[in-house]
């Protein structure tokens, strides 16, 4: 699965797209930090649910299905 989530974060005003993406993808920032960001962002009463900000994509699998109906 791939989950894409859109949410707002605060970054220095001088940072552009490249610096923001570098910070999140190639620096020492750990993606695990996003979990606490998401909890805090969606804990707001105006945004209690992630459904309107999330999308899931099935990427296929390398193993055969294991459920038979």
N, C-alpha and C. Protein backbone atom coordinates (compact mmCIF):
# COMPACT_ATOMS: atom_id res chain seq x y z
N UNK A 1 0.84 -1.18 0.00
CA UNK A 1 0.00 0.00 0.00
C UNK A 1 0.88 1.24 0.00
N UNK A 2 0.36 2.26 -0.58
CA UNK A 2 0.95 3.59 -0.49
C UNK A 2 -0.13 4.50 0.07
N UNK A 3 0.25 5.27 1.10
CA UNK A 3 -0.68 6.22 1.68
C UNK A 3 -0.11 7.61 1.46
N UNK A 4 -0.88 8.46 0.84
CA UNK A 4 -0.50 9.85 0.63
C UNK A 4 -1.37 10.70 1.55
N UNK A 5 -0.73 11.54 2.37
CA UNK A 5 -1.45 12.39 3.31
C UNK A 5 -1.00 13.83 3.08
N UNK A 6 -1.96 14.72 3.00
CA UNK A 6 -1.65 16.15 2.88
C UNK A 6 -1.97 16.83 4.20
N UNK A 7 -0.98 17.54 4.74
CA UNK A 7 -1.18 18.31 5.97
C UNK A 7 -0.18 19.45 6.01
N UNK A 8 -0.48 20.44 6.84
CA UNK A 8 0.36 21.63 6.92
C UNK A 8 1.42 21.45 8.00
N UNK A 9 2.62 21.96 7.72
CA UNK A 9 3.70 21.99 8.71
C UNK A 9 4.34 23.38 8.67
N UNK A 10 4.97 23.75 9.76
CA UNK A 10 5.67 25.02 9.81
C UNK A 10 7.13 24.81 9.45
N UNK A 11 7.64 25.65 8.56
CA UNK A 11 9.05 25.62 8.16
C UNK A 11 9.56 27.06 8.14
N UNK A 12 10.87 27.24 8.17
CA UNK A 12 11.39 28.61 8.09
C UNK A 12 10.89 29.31 6.82
N UNK A 13 10.57 30.60 6.96
CA UNK A 13 10.01 31.37 5.84
C UNK A 13 10.95 31.42 4.65
N UNK A 14 12.25 31.34 4.87
CA UNK A 14 13.23 31.44 3.79
C UNK A 14 13.36 30.14 2.99
N UNK A 15 12.82 29.04 3.50
CA UNK A 15 12.95 27.77 2.80
C UNK A 15 12.01 27.72 1.60
N UNK A 16 12.51 27.17 0.51
CA UNK A 16 11.70 26.92 -0.67
C UNK A 16 11.39 25.44 -0.79
N UNK A 17 10.75 25.06 -1.87
CA UNK A 17 10.36 23.68 -2.12
C UNK A 17 11.53 22.71 -2.00
N UNK A 18 12.67 23.06 -2.62
CA UNK A 18 13.83 22.15 -2.61
C UNK A 18 14.35 21.93 -1.20
N UNK A 19 14.44 22.99 -0.40
CA UNK A 19 14.95 22.86 0.96
C UNK A 19 14.00 22.06 1.84
N UNK A 20 12.72 22.30 1.68
CA UNK A 20 11.74 21.55 2.46
C UNK A 20 11.81 20.07 2.12
N UNK A 21 11.84 19.73 0.83
CA UNK A 21 11.88 18.33 0.43
C UNK A 21 13.21 17.68 0.81
N UNK A 22 14.32 18.41 0.71
CA UNK A 22 15.61 17.87 1.14
C UNK A 22 15.56 17.55 2.63
N UNK A 23 15.03 18.48 3.42
CA UNK A 23 14.95 18.27 4.86
C UNK A 23 14.17 17.01 5.20
N UNK A 24 13.07 16.77 4.51
CA UNK A 24 12.22 15.62 4.81
C UNK A 24 12.72 14.31 4.18
N UNK A 25 13.40 14.39 3.04
CA UNK A 25 13.76 13.17 2.31
C UNK A 25 15.23 12.76 2.42
N UNK A 26 16.14 13.71 2.60
CA UNK A 26 17.56 13.36 2.49
C UNK A 26 18.41 13.80 3.68
N UNK A 27 17.85 14.51 4.63
CA UNK A 27 18.64 14.95 5.79
C UNK A 27 18.50 13.93 6.91
N UNK A 28 18.88 14.32 8.10
CA UNK A 28 18.80 13.41 9.24
C UNK A 28 17.40 13.37 9.87
N UNK A 29 16.45 14.16 9.34
CA UNK A 29 15.08 14.12 9.85
C UNK A 29 14.52 12.74 9.63
N UNK A 30 13.93 12.14 10.65
CA UNK A 30 13.38 10.79 10.55
C UNK A 30 11.90 10.84 10.23
N UNK A 31 11.47 10.03 9.28
CA UNK A 31 10.07 10.00 8.89
C UNK A 31 9.16 9.59 10.05
N UNK A 32 9.70 8.92 11.06
CA UNK A 32 8.89 8.59 12.24
C UNK A 32 8.36 9.84 12.91
N UNK A 33 9.04 10.97 12.74
CA UNK A 33 8.57 12.23 13.32
C UNK A 33 7.22 12.64 12.75
N UNK A 34 6.90 12.16 11.55
CA UNK A 34 5.63 12.52 10.93
C UNK A 34 4.44 11.97 11.72
N UNK A 35 4.66 10.87 12.44
CA UNK A 35 3.56 10.27 13.21
C UNK A 35 3.07 11.26 14.26
N UNK A 36 3.99 11.86 15.02
CA UNK A 36 3.56 12.83 16.03
C UNK A 36 3.01 14.10 15.38
N UNK A 37 3.55 14.49 14.22
CA UNK A 37 2.99 15.64 13.50
C UNK A 37 1.55 15.38 13.09
N UNK A 38 1.29 14.19 12.57
CA UNK A 38 -0.06 13.84 12.14
C UNK A 38 -1.01 13.78 13.33
N UNK A 39 -0.57 13.19 14.42
CA UNK A 39 -1.42 13.13 15.62
C UNK A 39 -1.78 14.53 16.09
N UNK A 40 -0.81 15.41 16.12
CA UNK A 40 -1.06 16.78 16.57
C UNK A 40 -1.95 17.53 15.59
N UNK A 41 -1.67 17.41 14.30
CA UNK A 41 -2.43 18.13 13.28
C UNK A 41 -3.89 17.69 13.26
N UNK A 42 -4.14 16.39 13.31
CA UNK A 42 -5.50 15.89 13.20
C UNK A 42 -6.21 15.79 14.55
N UNK A 43 -5.54 16.18 15.63
CA UNK A 43 -6.18 16.24 16.94
C UNK A 43 -7.01 17.52 17.09
N UNK A 44 -6.80 18.45 16.19
CA UNK A 44 -7.55 19.71 16.17
C UNK A 44 -9.02 19.39 15.90
N UNK A 45 -9.93 20.05 16.61
CA UNK A 45 -11.37 19.79 16.45
C UNK A 45 -11.86 19.99 15.02
N UNK A 46 -11.23 20.90 14.29
CA UNK A 46 -11.64 21.17 12.91
C UNK A 46 -11.19 20.07 11.96
N UNK A 47 -10.23 19.25 12.40
CA UNK A 47 -9.68 18.19 11.53
C UNK A 47 -9.56 16.88 12.30
N UNK A 48 -10.65 16.37 12.81
CA UNK A 48 -10.59 15.17 13.63
C UNK A 48 -10.34 13.90 12.81
N UNK A 49 -10.56 13.96 11.53
CA UNK A 49 -10.48 12.77 10.70
C UNK A 49 -9.51 12.99 9.54
N UNK A 50 -8.71 11.98 9.24
CA UNK A 50 -7.74 12.07 8.15
C UNK A 50 -8.34 11.73 6.79
N UNK A 51 -9.56 11.26 6.75
CA UNK A 51 -10.14 10.76 5.50
C UNK A 51 -10.10 11.77 4.36
N UNK A 52 -10.40 13.01 4.61
CA UNK A 52 -10.41 14.01 3.56
C UNK A 52 -9.03 14.44 3.10
N UNK A 53 -8.00 14.04 3.85
CA UNK A 53 -6.62 14.43 3.53
C UNK A 53 -5.75 13.26 3.12
N UNK A 54 -6.34 12.07 3.00
CA UNK A 54 -5.57 10.86 2.74
C UNK A 54 -6.08 10.12 1.51
N UNK A 55 -5.16 9.44 0.86
CA UNK A 55 -5.50 8.60 -0.29
C UNK A 55 -4.64 7.35 -0.24
N UNK A 56 -5.24 6.20 -0.54
CA UNK A 56 -4.53 4.93 -0.52
C UNK A 56 -4.46 4.35 -1.93
N UNK A 57 -3.31 3.76 -2.25
CA UNK A 57 -3.11 3.09 -3.53
C UNK A 57 -2.57 1.69 -3.27
N UNK A 58 -3.18 0.71 -3.92
CA UNK A 58 -2.68 -0.66 -3.85
C UNK A 58 -1.56 -0.80 -4.87
N UNK A 59 -0.40 -1.25 -4.42
CA UNK A 59 0.76 -1.34 -5.29
C UNK A 59 1.00 -2.75 -5.83
N UNK A 60 0.15 -3.68 -5.51
CA UNK A 60 0.34 -5.04 -5.94
C UNK A 60 1.16 -5.79 -4.91
N UNK A 61 1.32 -7.05 -5.12
CA UNK A 61 2.06 -7.85 -4.15
C UNK A 61 2.99 -8.84 -4.82
N UNK A 62 4.01 -9.21 -4.10
CA UNK A 62 4.99 -10.19 -4.60
C UNK A 62 4.63 -11.61 -4.18
N UNK A 63 3.63 -11.76 -3.34
CA UNK A 63 3.25 -13.09 -2.86
C UNK A 63 1.84 -13.40 -3.34
N UNK A 64 1.53 -14.68 -3.50
CA UNK A 64 0.17 -15.05 -3.92
C UNK A 64 -0.82 -14.77 -2.80
N UNK A 65 -2.09 -14.58 -3.15
CA UNK A 65 -3.10 -14.35 -2.13
C UNK A 65 -3.19 -15.56 -1.19
N UNK A 66 -3.51 -15.30 0.08
CA UNK A 66 -3.58 -16.40 1.03
C UNK A 66 -5.00 -16.67 1.52
N UNK A 67 -5.95 -15.87 1.13
CA UNK A 67 -7.34 -16.12 1.51
C UNK A 67 -8.08 -16.71 0.32
N UNK A 68 -8.83 -17.76 0.59
CA UNK A 68 -9.64 -18.38 -0.46
C UNK A 68 -11.08 -18.37 -0.01
N UNK A 69 -11.94 -17.80 -0.82
CA UNK A 69 -13.36 -17.73 -0.46
C UNK A 69 -14.16 -18.63 -1.36
